[in-house]
Amino acid sequence: MNRPINKALEGALDRYFASFDGTRELAAELIAKRKHPTEALILLCARLDALASDAAKDDMSSRKAFTAFVAAHGGHRDLLNSVSVGDLYYELSYHRWLLEGMIPSPGRLHVFSRLNAPILHLLDEAGLPLTLKDSEALLDTLIRICKQDYRAVPGNRVTKPRVAKIAALQNVFVKRARRTRLKRFADNLPLALAPLLERMKVSSILYERFRSESIHGATVILDSRRFFTEKDIYWKTLYSPFYGRFELVEFPARFLLLLLERCIATYRAALVARGKLPPDIHFYAFPSDIFESLDLLDQELLPEGGRVRFKTNR
């Protein structure tokens, strides 16, 4: 039996999602003409971020809101929730090169930027002594496991997977580490690696390296030809004189446009099924009277609030 149509809800959703039509049309035009790749990337990432922000609770971080939203509504849940092992390999290799500066003396850690945080967590929670030698052994072992079991670098067998679920990857690291000199510390790896693996999820990379850099950074390095011609995500080969060749995941324009379109379609269907509107969408849809159709407001997403202290002049 079909549910009756709620005209007020449908009208509100029409008004809200119509605001994304211009972005979709402009992005499609830029893709067809293969012009202005950075601007196309900014448009698509910004609108995905806007959807995610409007759908999230007030106290949820923008990163968590974005990654959860695109995975739930973008049609690629398994892929977006998986770790790009090539990116993980790069992160481990980069910090292996940086270790001498991060551990200036035994027991001391030096932070160069917030991007070091997951590696610092790994070094601290793995249980090894905080010395340069022990930390090098730890990262060398993890790097070797990435290359043994996954298509982490150019030239690895094509039958090896490029992505892996977090739990599966943790199990591989523990299993392999038990066969090395680090076997006493193998069981510490799932907890020690957790923040790093979370940051290396495909959805997190989309947020950090594409959404954040395109919106907040001055420049974004894109292969314009592949950005406009590829239809699915791919891995771009790069080279460092310090740690050789490596591969990083890339998101082409067509993939991002389809991701946006799927998010709009599936999220709208979810809102219709729920029969409620998040506060930001409700306020957008009823701008002249915020008290109109309050029965459609999803009050579970409203901030909890609390006491407010006022200072008085005496």
C-alpha atoms as a PDB file:
ATOM      1  CA  MET A   1       0.000   0.000   0.000  1.00  0.00           C
ATOM      2  CA  ASN A   2       1.410   3.367  -1.064  1.00  0.00           C
ATOM      3  CA  ARG A   3       1.796   6.067   1.541  1.00  0.00           C
ATOM      4  CA  PRO A   4      -0.291   9.226   0.955  1.00  0.00           C
ATOM      5  CA  ILE A   5       1.655  12.130  -0.516  1.00  0.00           C
ATOM      6  CA  ASN A   6       2.443  14.883   1.963  1.00  0.00           C
ATOM      7  CA  LYS A   7       2.161  17.972  -0.237  1.00  0.00           C
ATOM      8  CA  ALA A   8       3.781  20.279   2.304  1.00  0.00           C
ATOM      9  CA  LEU A   9       6.776  17.956   2.619  1.00  0.00           C
ATOM     10  CA  GLU A  10       7.084  17.472  -1.140  1.00  0.00           C
ATOM     11  CA  GLY A  11       6.902  21.215  -1.714  1.00  0.00           C
ATOM     12  CA  ALA A  12       9.581  21.875   0.885  1.00  0.00           C
ATOM     13  CA  LEU A  13      11.861  19.290  -0.701  1.00  0.00           C
ATOM     14  CA  ASP A  14      11.235  20.730  -4.177  1.00  0.00           C
ATOM     15  CA  ARG A  15      12.317  24.163  -2.965  1.00  0.00           C
ATOM     16  CA  TYR A  16      15.391  22.861  -1.162  1.00  0.00           C
ATOM     17  CA  PHE A  17      16.762  20.531  -3.829  1.00  0.00           C
ATOM     18  CA  ALA A  18      16.060  23.062  -6.603  1.00  0.00           C
ATOM     19  CA  SER A  19      18.929  25.072  -5.125  1.00  0.00           C
ATOM     20  CA  PHE A  20      21.317  22.351  -6.388  1.00  0.00           C
ATOM     21  CA  ASP A  21      20.076  22.415  -9.997  1.00  0.00           C
ATOM     22  CA  GLY A  22      22.364  25.253 -11.063  1.00  0.00           C
ATOM     23  CA  THR A  23      25.422  23.497  -9.696  1.00  0.00           C
ATOM     24  CA  ARG A  24      24.581  20.266 -11.475  1.00  0.00           C
ATOM     25  CA  GLU A  25      23.957  22.054 -14.774  1.00  0.00           C
ATOM     26  CA  LEU A  26      27.118  24.152 -14.564  1.00  0.00           C
ATOM     27  CA  ALA A  27      29.287  21.201 -13.536  1.00  0.00           C
ATOM     28  CA  ALA A  28      27.886  19.086 -16.374  1.00  0.00           C
ATOM     29  CA  GLU A  29      28.623  21.904 -18.822  1.00  0.00           C
ATOM     30  CA  LEU A  30      32.220  22.266 -17.603  1.00  0.00           C
ATOM     31  CA  ILE A  31      32.716  18.496 -17.871  1.00  0.00           C
ATOM     32  CA  ALA A  32      31.299  18.398 -21.405  1.00  0.00           C
ATOM     33  CA  LYS A  33      33.568  21.266 -22.484  1.00  0.00           C
ATOM     34  CA  ARG A  34      36.518  19.975 -20.402  1.00  0.00           C
ATOM     35  CA  LYS A  35      37.151  23.439 -19.018  1.00  0.00           C
ATOM     36  CA  HIS A  36      38.121  24.804 -15.589  1.00  0.00           C
ATOM     37  CA  PRO A  37      38.784  21.532 -13.706  1.00  0.00           C
ATOM     38  CA  THR A  38      39.538  23.228 -10.384  1.00  0.00           C
ATOM     39  CA  GLU A  39      36.300  25.194 -10.501  1.00  0.00           C
ATOM     40  CA  ALA A  40      34.326  22.046 -11.363  1.00  0.00           C
ATOM     41  CA  LEU A  41      35.941  20.247  -8.419  1.00  0.00           C
ATOM     42  CA  ILE A  42      35.117  23.119  -6.063  1.00  0.00           C
ATOM     43  CA  LEU A  43      31.483  23.188  -7.201  1.00  0.00           C
ATOM     44  CA  LEU A  44      30.934  19.471  -6.745  1.00  0.00           C
ATOM     45  CA  CYS A  45      32.757  19.115  -3.438  1.00  0.00           C
ATOM     46  CA  ALA A  46      31.152  22.223  -1.961  1.00  0.00           C
ATOM     47  CA  ARG A  47      27.649  21.047  -2.789  1.00  0.00           C
ATOM     48  CA  LEU A  48      28.305  17.563  -1.419  1.00  0.00           C
ATOM     49  CA  ASP A  49      29.529  19.276   1.732  1.00  0.00           C
ATOM     50  CA  ALA A  50      26.431  21.470   1.880  1.00  0.00           C
ATOM     51  CA  LEU A  51      24.146  18.436   1.702  1.00  0.00           C
ATOM     52  CA  ALA A  52      26.126  16.642   4.381  1.00  0.00           C
ATOM     53  CA  SER A  53      26.150  19.681   6.651  1.00  0.00           C
ATOM     54  CA  ASP A  54      22.397  20.204   6.367  1.00  0.00           C
ATOM     55  CA  ALA A  55      21.780  16.526   7.161  1.00  0.00           C
ATOM     56  CA  ALA A  56      24.022  16.362  10.237  1.00  0.00           C
ATOM     57  CA  LYS A  57      23.460  17.050  13.890  1.00  0.00           C
ATOM     58  CA  ASP A  58      24.663  20.431  15.064  1.00  0.00           C
ATOM     59  CA  ASP A  59      27.531  19.026  17.125  1.00  0.00           C
ATOM     60  CA  MET A  60      28.907  16.663  14.457  1.00  0.00           C
ATOM     61  CA  SER A  61      32.272  17.554  12.922  1.00  0.00           C
ATOM     62  CA  SER A  62      32.249  18.512   9.246  1.00  0.00           C
ATOM     63  CA  ARG A  63      34.601  15.615   8.435  1.00  0.00           C
ATOM     64  CA  LYS A  64      32.384  13.019  10.087  1.00  0.00           C
ATOM     65  CA  ALA A  65      29.235  14.530   8.587  1.00  0.00           C
ATOM     66  CA  PHE A  66      30.735  14.484   5.079  1.00  0.00           C
ATOM     67  CA  THR A  67      32.185  10.973   5.170  1.00  0.00           C
ATOM     68  CA  ALA A  68      29.081   9.446   6.740  1.00  0.00           C
ATOM     69  CA  PHE A  69      26.722  11.204   4.325  1.00  0.00           C
ATOM     70  CA  VAL A  70      28.466  10.321   1.056  1.00  0.00           C
ATOM     71  CA  ALA A  71      28.910   6.704   2.170  1.00  0.00           C
ATOM     72  CA  ALA A  72      25.252   6.399   3.156  1.00  0.00           C
ATOM     73  CA  HIS A  73      23.733   8.098   0.110  1.00  0.00           C
ATOM     74  CA  GLY A  74      26.323   8.093  -2.687  1.00  0.00           C
ATOM     75  CA  GLY A  75      25.809   4.554  -3.950  1.00  0.00           C
ATOM     76  CA  HIS A  76      29.376   3.371  -3.235  1.00  0.00           C
ATOM     77  CA  ARG A  77      29.164   2.466   0.453  1.00  0.00           C
ATOM     78  CA  ASP A  78      31.723  -0.365   0.426  1.00  0.00           C
ATOM     79  CA  LEU A  79      34.243   1.585  -1.639  1.00  0.00           C
ATOM     80  CA  LEU A  80      33.926   4.840   0.304  1.00  0.00           C
ATOM     81  CA  ASN A  81      34.207   3.047   3.655  1.00  0.00           C
ATOM     82  CA  SER A  82      37.312   1.123   2.540  1.00  0.00           C
ATOM     83  CA  VAL A  83      40.960   2.119   2.949  1.00  0.00           C
ATOM     84  CA  SER A  84      42.994   3.074  -0.113  1.00  0.00           C
ATOM     85  CA  VAL A  85      46.097   0.971   0.555  1.00  0.00           C
ATOM     86  CA  GLY A  86      48.178   3.011  -1.884  1.00  0.00           C
ATOM     87  CA  ASP A  87      47.467   6.146   0.129  1.00  0.00           C
ATOM     88  CA  LEU A  88      48.194   4.255   3.355  1.00  0.00           C
ATOM     89  CA  TYR A  89      51.518   3.072   1.907  1.00  0.00           C
ATOM     90  CA  TYR A  90      52.398   6.661   0.985  1.00  0.00           C
ATOM     91  CA  GLU A  91      51.522   7.970   4.449  1.00  0.00           C
ATOM     92  CA  LEU A  92      53.655   5.314   6.142  1.00  0.00           C
ATOM     93  CA  SER A  93      56.545   5.870   3.708  1.00  0.00           C
ATOM     94  CA  TYR A  94      56.437   9.641   4.066  1.00  0.00           C
ATOM     95  CA  HIS A  95      56.552   9.433   7.857  1.00  0.00           C
ATOM     96  CA  ARG A  96      59.261   6.755   7.689  1.00  0.00           C
ATOM     97  CA  TRP A  97      61.367   9.376   5.887  1.00  0.00           C
ATOM     98  CA  LEU A  98      60.297  12.012   8.441  1.00  0.00           C
ATOM     99  CA  LEU A  99      61.015   9.865  11.526  1.00  0.00           C
ATOM    100  CA  GLU A 100      64.466  11.249  12.236  1.00  0.00           C
ATOM    101  CA  GLY A 101      62.935  14.666  12.772  1.00  0.00           C
ATOM    102  CA  MET A 102      59.899  13.354  14.657  1.00  0.00           C
ATOM    103  CA  ILE A 103      62.024  11.448  17.215  1.00  0.00           C
ATOM    104  CA  PRO A 104      64.945  13.794  17.977  1.00  0.00           C
ATOM    105  CA  SER A 105      65.904  11.704  21.013  1.00  0.00           C
ATOM    106  CA  PRO A 106      64.549   8.542  22.721  1.00  0.00           C
ATOM    107  CA  GLY A 107      61.167   9.117  24.344  1.00  0.00           C
ATOM    108  CA  ARG A 108      60.597  12.495  22.677  1.00  0.00           C
ATOM    109  CA  LEU A 109      58.218  13.167  19.805  1.00  0.00           C
ATOM    110  CA  HIS A 110      58.213  16.279  17.630  1.00  0.00           C
ATOM    111  CA  VAL A 111      55.063  17.393  15.788  1.00  0.00           C
ATOM    112  CA  PHE A 112      55.481  19.192  12.475  1.00  0.00           C
ATOM    113  CA  SER A 113      51.759  19.551  11.703  1.00  0.00           C
ATOM    114  CA  ARG A 114      48.342  18.155  12.604  1.00  0.00           C
ATOM    115  CA  LEU A 115      48.802  15.668   9.751  1.00  0.00           C
ATOM    116  CA  ASN A 116      51.330  13.827  11.935  1.00  0.00           C
ATOM    117  CA  ALA A 117      48.702  13.000  14.576  1.00  0.00           C
ATOM    118  CA  PRO A 118      47.656   9.512  13.318  1.00  0.00           C
ATOM    119  CA  ILE A 119      51.302   8.415  13.013  1.00  0.00           C
ATOM    120  CA  LEU A 120      52.121   9.765  16.473  1.00  0.00           C
ATOM    121  CA  HIS A 121      49.175   7.781  17.810  1.00  0.00           C
ATOM    122  CA  LEU A 122      50.506   4.689  16.059  1.00  0.00           C
ATOM    123  CA  LEU A 123      54.002   5.109  17.521  1.00  0.00           C
ATOM    124  CA  ASP A 124      52.636   5.755  20.992  1.00  0.00           C
ATOM    125  CA  GLU A 125      50.038   2.957  21.111  1.00  0.00           C
ATOM    126  CA  ALA A 126      52.006   0.219  19.334  1.00  0.00           C
ATOM    127  CA  GLY A 127      53.905  -0.468  22.543  1.00  0.00           C
ATOM    128  CA  LEU A 128      57.447  -0.361  21.171  1.00  0.00           C
ATOM    129  CA  PRO A 129      60.071   1.826  22.851  1.00  0.00           C
ATOM    130  CA  LEU A 130      59.924   5.353  21.454  1.00  0.00           C
ATOM    131  CA  THR A 131      63.314   5.237  19.799  1.00  0.00           C
ATOM    132  CA  LEU A 132      64.238   5.974  16.212  1.00  0.00           C
ATOM    133  CA  LYS A 133      65.397   2.384  15.611  1.00  0.00           C
ATOM    134  CA  ASP A 134      62.251   0.746  16.995  1.00  0.00           C
ATOM    135  CA  SER A 135      59.929   3.164  15.212  1.00  0.00           C
ATOM    136  CA  GLU A 136      61.738   2.574  11.925  1.00  0.00           C
ATOM    137  CA  ALA A 137      61.302  -1.177  12.416  1.00  0.00           C
ATOM    138  CA  LEU A 138      57.580  -0.697  13.032  1.00  0.00           C
ATOM    139  CA  LEU A 139      56.962   1.442   9.935  1.00  0.00           C
ATOM    140  CA  ASP A 140      59.207  -0.744   7.770  1.00  0.00           C
ATOM    141  CA  THR A 141      57.151  -3.795   8.770  1.00  0.00           C
ATOM    142  CA  LEU A 142      53.828  -2.097   7.998  1.00  0.00           C
ATOM    143  CA  ILE A 143      55.124  -0.814   4.658  1.00  0.00           C
ATOM    144  CA  ARG A 144      56.313  -4.298   3.715  1.00  0.00           C
ATOM    145  CA  ILE A 145      52.941  -5.834   4.621  1.00  0.00           C
ATOM    146  CA  CYS A 146      51.132  -3.277   2.429  1.00  0.00           C
ATOM    147  CA  LYS A 147      53.257  -4.315  -0.553  1.00  0.00           C
ATOM    148  CA  GLN A 148      52.994  -8.042   0.159  1.00  0.00           C
ATOM    149  CA  ASP A 149      49.226  -8.288   0.435  1.00  0.00           C
ATOM    150  CA  TYR A 150      47.873  -5.369  -1.599  1.00  0.00           C
ATOM    151  CA  ARG A 151      48.385  -3.459  -4.799  1.00  0.00           C
ATOM    152  CA  ALA A 152      49.993  -0.638  -2.891  1.00  0.00           C
ATOM    153  CA  VAL A 153      52.656   0.442  -5.410  1.00  0.00           C
ATOM    154  CA  PRO A 154      52.971   0.492  -9.211  1.00  0.00           C
ATOM    155  CA  GLY A 155      54.077  -2.879 -10.526  1.00  0.00           C
ATOM    156  CA  ASN A 156      52.271  -4.989  -7.933  1.00  0.00           C
ATOM    157  CA  ARG A 157      50.133  -7.777  -9.363  1.00  0.00           C
ATOM    158  CA  VAL A 158      46.817  -6.498 -10.672  1.00  0.00           C
ATOM    159  CA  THR A 159      45.039  -9.337  -8.881  1.00  0.00           C
ATOM    160  CA  LYS A 160      45.920  -7.812  -5.528  1.00  0.00           C
ATOM    161  CA  PRO A 161      43.214  -5.506  -4.094  1.00  0.00           C
ATOM    162  CA  ARG A 162      43.752  -1.760  -3.970  1.00  0.00           C
ATOM    163  CA  VAL A 163      41.243  -1.182  -1.194  1.00  0.00           C
ATOM    164  CA  ALA A 164      40.356  -3.053   1.984  1.00  0.00           C
ATOM    165  CA  LYS A 165      37.877  -2.769   4.828  1.00  0.00           C
ATOM    166  CA  ILE A 166      39.406  -1.463   8.052  1.00  0.00           C
ATOM    167  CA  ALA A 167      38.747  -4.652  10.023  1.00  0.00           C
ATOM    168  CA  ALA A 168      40.214  -6.856   7.291  1.00  0.00           C
ATOM    169  CA  LEU A 169      43.306  -4.666   7.038  1.00  0.00           C
ATOM    170  CA  GLN A 170      43.808  -4.732  10.807  1.00  0.00           C
ATOM    171  CA  ASN A 171      43.615  -8.531  10.766  1.00  0.00           C
ATOM    172  CA  VAL A 172      46.219  -8.734   8.007  1.00  0.00           C
ATOM    173  CA  PHE A 173      48.622  -6.477   9.894  1.00  0.00           C
ATOM    174  CA  VAL A 174      48.235  -8.502  13.097  1.00  0.00           C
ATOM    175  CA  LYS A 175      48.625 -11.838  11.313  1.00  0.00           C
ATOM    176  CA  ARG A 176      51.708 -10.752   9.374  1.00  0.00           C
ATOM    177  CA  ALA A 177      53.318  -8.932  12.299  1.00  0.00           C
ATOM    178  CA  ARG A 178      53.116 -12.105  14.419  1.00  0.00           C
ATOM    179  CA  ARG A 179      55.630 -13.643  12.008  1.00  0.00           C
ATOM    180  CA  THR A 180      58.174 -10.856  12.536  1.00  0.00           C
ATOM    181  CA  ARG A 181      60.370  -9.568  15.348  1.00  0.00           C
ATOM    182  CA  LEU A 182      57.417  -7.372  16.317  1.00  0.00           C
ATOM    183  CA  LYS A 183      55.237 -10.351  17.267  1.00  0.00           C
ATOM    184  CA  ARG A 184      55.043  -9.253  20.929  1.00  0.00           C
ATOM    185  CA  PHE A 185      53.372  -6.027  19.815  1.00  0.00           C
ATOM    186  CA  ALA A 186      51.141  -7.410  17.049  1.00  0.00           C
ATOM    187  CA  ASP A 187      47.949  -7.370  19.131  1.00  0.00           C
ATOM    188  CA  ASN A 188      48.416  -3.640  19.798  1.00  0.00           C
ATOM    189  CA  LEU A 189      48.174  -2.768  16.110  1.00  0.00           C
ATOM    190  CA  PRO A 190      44.370  -2.546  15.646  1.00  0.00           C
ATOM    191  CA  LEU A 191      44.050   0.208  18.261  1.00  0.00           C
ATOM    192  CA  ALA A 192      47.324   1.855  17.267  1.00  0.00           C
ATOM    193  CA  LEU A 193      46.387   1.966  13.575  1.00  0.00           C
ATOM    194  CA  ALA A 194      42.728   2.990  14.010  1.00  0.00           C
ATOM    195  CA  PRO A 195      43.071   6.785  13.484  1.00  0.00           C
ATOM    196  CA  LEU A 196      45.427   6.324  10.521  1.00  0.00           C
ATOM    197  CA  LEU A 197      43.148   3.808   8.804  1.00  0.00           C
ATOM    198  CA  GLU A 198      40.166   6.102   9.367  1.00  0.00           C
ATOM    199  CA  ARG A 199      42.060   8.948   7.677  1.00  0.00           C
ATOM    200  CA  MET A 200      42.979   6.692   4.751  1.00  0.00           C
ATOM    201  CA  LYS A 201      39.379   5.695   3.978  1.00  0.00           C
ATOM    202  CA  VAL A 202      38.355   6.693   0.470  1.00  0.00           C
ATOM    203  CA  SER A 203      35.622   8.992   1.830  1.00  0.00           C
ATOM    204  CA  SER A 204      38.103  10.659   4.214  1.00  0.00           C
ATOM    205  CA  ILE A 205      40.560  11.241   1.358  1.00  0.00           C
ATOM    206  CA  LEU A 206      37.757  12.775  -0.695  1.00  0.00           C
ATOM    207  CA  TYR A 207      37.055  15.108   2.219  1.00  0.00           C
ATOM    208  CA  GLU A 208      40.647  16.012   3.086  1.00  0.00           C
ATOM    209  CA  ARG A 209      42.534  16.113  -0.194  1.00  0.00           C
ATOM    210  CA  PHE A 210      39.742  17.188  -2.520  1.00  0.00           C
ATOM    211  CA  ARG A 211      36.964  18.904  -0.574  1.00  0.00           C
ATOM    212  CA  SER A 212      39.203  20.776   1.886  1.00  0.00           C
ATOM    213  CA  GLU A 213      42.085  21.557  -0.460  1.00  0.00           C
ATOM    214  CA  SER A 214      39.814  22.733  -3.266  1.00  0.00           C
ATOM    215  CA  ILE A 215      37.767  24.996  -0.985  1.00  0.00           C
ATOM    216  CA  HIS A 216      40.437  26.234   1.421  1.00  0.00           C
ATOM    217  CA  GLY A 217      43.664  25.781  -0.550  1.00  0.00           C
ATOM    218  CA  ALA A 218      45.120  28.118  -3.144  1.00  0.00           C
ATOM    219  CA  THR A 219      45.752  25.408  -5.729  1.00  0.00           C
ATOM    220  CA  VAL A 220      44.804  21.808  -6.396  1.00  0.00           C
ATOM    221  CA  ILE A 221      47.022  19.601  -8.545  1.00  0.00           C
ATOM    222  CA  LEU A 222      44.823  17.819 -11.065  1.00  0.00           C
ATOM    223  CA  ASP A 223      45.486  15.815 -14.204  1.00  0.00           C
ATOM    224  CA  SER A 224      42.938  17.720 -16.305  1.00  0.00           C
ATOM    225  CA  ARG A 225      42.740  15.074 -19.017  1.00  0.00           C
ATOM    226  CA  ARG A 226      42.002  12.188 -16.665  1.00  0.00           C
ATOM    227  CA  PHE A 227      39.834  14.358 -14.419  1.00  0.00           C
ATOM    228  CA  PHE A 228      37.455  14.935 -17.321  1.00  0.00           C
ATOM    229  CA  THR A 229      37.752  11.617 -19.197  1.00  0.00           C
ATOM    230  CA  GLU A 230      37.773   8.949 -16.469  1.00  0.00           C
ATOM    231  CA  LYS A 231      34.402   7.670 -15.265  1.00  0.00           C
ATOM    232  CA  ASP A 232      35.437   5.906 -12.071  1.00  0.00           C
ATOM    233  CA  ILE A 233      38.022   6.508  -9.371  1.00  0.00           C
ATOM    234  CA  TYR A 234      41.588   5.639 -10.327  1.00  0.00           C
ATOM    235  CA  TRP A 235      45.086   5.638  -8.824  1.00  0.00           C
ATOM    236  CA  LYS A 236      47.681   8.097 -10.130  1.00  0.00           C
ATOM    237  CA  THR A 237      51.351   7.077 -10.111  1.00  0.00           C
ATOM    238  CA  LEU A 238      53.759   9.551  -8.507  1.00  0.00           C
ATOM    239  CA  TYR A 239      57.432   9.440  -7.571  1.00  0.00           C
ATOM    240  CA  SER A 240      59.553  10.583  -4.640  1.00  0.00           C
ATOM    241  CA  PRO A 241      63.393  10.452  -4.595  1.00  0.00           C
ATOM    242  CA  PHE A 242      63.129   9.418  -0.935  1.00  0.00           C
ATOM    243  CA  TYR A 243      60.680   6.483  -1.116  1.00  0.00           C
ATOM    244  CA  GLY A 244      60.229   5.672  -4.790  1.00  0.00           C
ATOM    245  CA  ARG A 245      57.030   5.299  -6.774  1.00  0.00           C
ATOM    246  CA  PHE A 246      53.618   5.275  -5.151  1.00  0.00           C
ATOM    247  CA  GLU A 247      49.952   5.606  -6.109  1.00  0.00           C
ATOM    248  CA  LEU A 248      47.255   7.931  -4.774  1.00  0.00           C
ATOM    249  CA  VAL A 249      43.526   7.650  -5.365  1.00  0.00           C
ATOM    250  CA  GLU A 250      41.906  10.290  -7.599  1.00  0.00           C
ATOM    251  CA  PHE A 251      38.274  11.276  -8.150  1.00  0.00           C
ATOM    252  CA  PRO A 252      37.253  12.254 -11.690  1.00  0.00           C
ATOM    253  CA  ALA A 253      34.570  14.827 -12.395  1.00  0.00           C
ATOM    254  CA  ARG A 254      32.016  12.365 -13.780  1.00  0.00           C
ATOM    255  CA  PHE A 255      32.282  10.215 -10.663  1.00  0.00           C
ATOM    256  CA  LEU A 256      31.770  13.252  -8.412  1.00  0.00           C
ATOM    257  CA  LEU A 257      28.813  14.533 -10.434  1.00  0.00           C
ATOM    258  CA  LEU A 258      27.141  11.117 -10.287  1.00  0.00           C
ATOM    259  CA  LEU A 259      27.935  10.951  -6.570  1.00  0.00           C
ATOM    260  CA  LEU A 260      26.182  14.297  -6.045  1.00  0.00           C
ATOM    261  CA  GLU A 261      23.170  13.217  -8.107  1.00  0.00           C
ATOM    262  CA  ARG A 262      22.838   9.927  -6.246  1.00  0.00           C
ATOM    263  CA  CYS A 263      23.148  11.668  -2.897  1.00  0.00           C
ATOM    264  CA  ILE A 264      20.355  14.061  -3.839  1.00  0.00           C
ATOM    265  CA  ALA A 265      18.061  11.268  -5.063  1.00  0.00           C
ATOM    266  CA  THR A 266      18.624   8.830  -2.199  1.00  0.00           C
ATOM    267  CA  TYR A 267      18.646  11.482   0.516  1.00  0.00           C
ATOM    268  CA  ARG A 268      15.398  12.945  -0.769  1.00  0.00           C
ATOM    269  CA  ALA A 269      13.830   9.467  -0.750  1.00  0.00           C
ATOM    270  CA  ALA A 270      15.046   8.955   2.820  1.00  0.00           C
ATOM    271  CA  LEU A 271      13.484  12.257   3.934  1.00  0.00           C
ATOM    272  CA  VAL A 272      10.183  11.364   2.277  1.00  0.00           C
ATOM    273  CA  ALA A 273      10.187   7.994   4.023  1.00  0.00           C
ATOM    274  CA  ARG A 274      10.970   9.634   7.372  1.00  0.00           C
ATOM    275  CA  GLY A 275       8.442  12.408   6.868  1.00  0.00           C
ATOM    276  CA  LYS A 276      10.649  14.898   8.685  1.00  0.00           C
ATOM    277  CA  LEU A 277      13.014  17.710   7.689  1.00  0.00           C
ATOM    278  CA  PRO A 278      16.362  18.534   9.334  1.00  0.00           C
ATOM    279  CA  PRO A 279      16.345  22.043  10.894  1.00  0.00           C
ATOM    280  CA  ASP A 280      18.517  23.671   8.193  1.00  0.00           C
ATOM    281  CA  ILE A 281      16.343  22.306   5.393  1.00  0.00           C
ATOM    282  CA  HIS A 282      13.155  23.267   7.231  1.00  0.00           C
ATOM    283  CA  PHE A 283      14.367  26.836   7.751  1.00  0.00           C
ATOM    284  CA  TYR A 284      15.378  27.048   4.068  1.00  0.00           C
ATOM    285  CA  ALA A 285      12.060  25.683   2.835  1.00  0.00           C
ATOM    286  CA  PHE A 286       9.909  27.961   5.030  1.00  0.00           C
ATOM    287  CA  PRO A 287      11.909  31.234   5.142  1.00  0.00           C
ATOM    288  CA  SER A 288       8.966  33.577   5.651  1.00  0.00           C
ATOM    289  CA  ASP A 289       7.600  31.787   8.704  1.00  0.00           C
ATOM    290  CA  ILE A 290       9.876  29.430  10.629  1.00  0.00           C
ATOM    291  CA  PHE A 291       6.869  28.242  12.640  1.00  0.00           C
ATOM    292  CA  GLU A 292       5.062  27.033   9.510  1.00  0.00           C
ATOM    293  CA  SER A 293       4.652  23.237   9.259  1.00  0.00           C
ATOM    294  CA  LEU A 294       6.481  22.562  12.526  1.00  0.00           C
ATOM    295  CA  ASP A 295       5.103  19.026  12.362  1.00  0.00           C
ATOM    296  CA  LEU A 296       7.684  18.426   9.592  1.00  0.00           C
ATOM    297  CA  LEU A 297      10.642  19.559  11.720  1.00  0.00           C
ATOM    298  CA  ASP A 298      12.946  16.751  12.817  1.00  0.00           C
ATOM    299  CA  GLN A 299      13.425  17.833  16.406  1.00  0.00           C
ATOM    300  CA  GLU A 300      15.894  15.018  17.087  1.00  0.00           C
ATOM    301  CA  LEU A 301      18.473  16.981  15.097  1.00  0.00           C
ATOM    302  CA  LEU A 302      17.985  20.202  17.049  1.00  0.00           C
ATOM    303  CA  PRO A 303      20.864  21.138  19.383  1.00  0.00           C
ATOM    304  CA  GLU A 304      20.158  20.213  22.976  1.00  0.00           C
ATOM    305  CA  GLY A 305      20.881  23.667  24.293  1.00  0.00           C
ATOM    306  CA  GLY A 306      21.734  24.477  27.872  1.00  0.00           C
ATOM    307  CA  ARG A 307      22.030  27.178  30.446  1.00  0.00           C
ATOM    308  CA  VAL A 308      23.219  30.608  29.394  1.00  0.00           C
ATOM    309  CA  ARG A 309      25.139  32.744  31.842  1.00  0.00           C
ATOM    310  CA  PHE A 310      24.845  36.494  31.626  1.00  0.00           C
ATOM    311  CA  LYS A 311      27.311  38.948  33.029  1.00  0.00           C
ATOM    312  CA  THR A 312      25.843  41.978  34.733  1.00  0.00           C
ATOM    313  CA  ASN A 313      27.597  45.280  35.340  1.00  0.00           C
ATOM    314  CA  ARG A 314      27.479  46.464  38.917  1.00  0.00           C
END
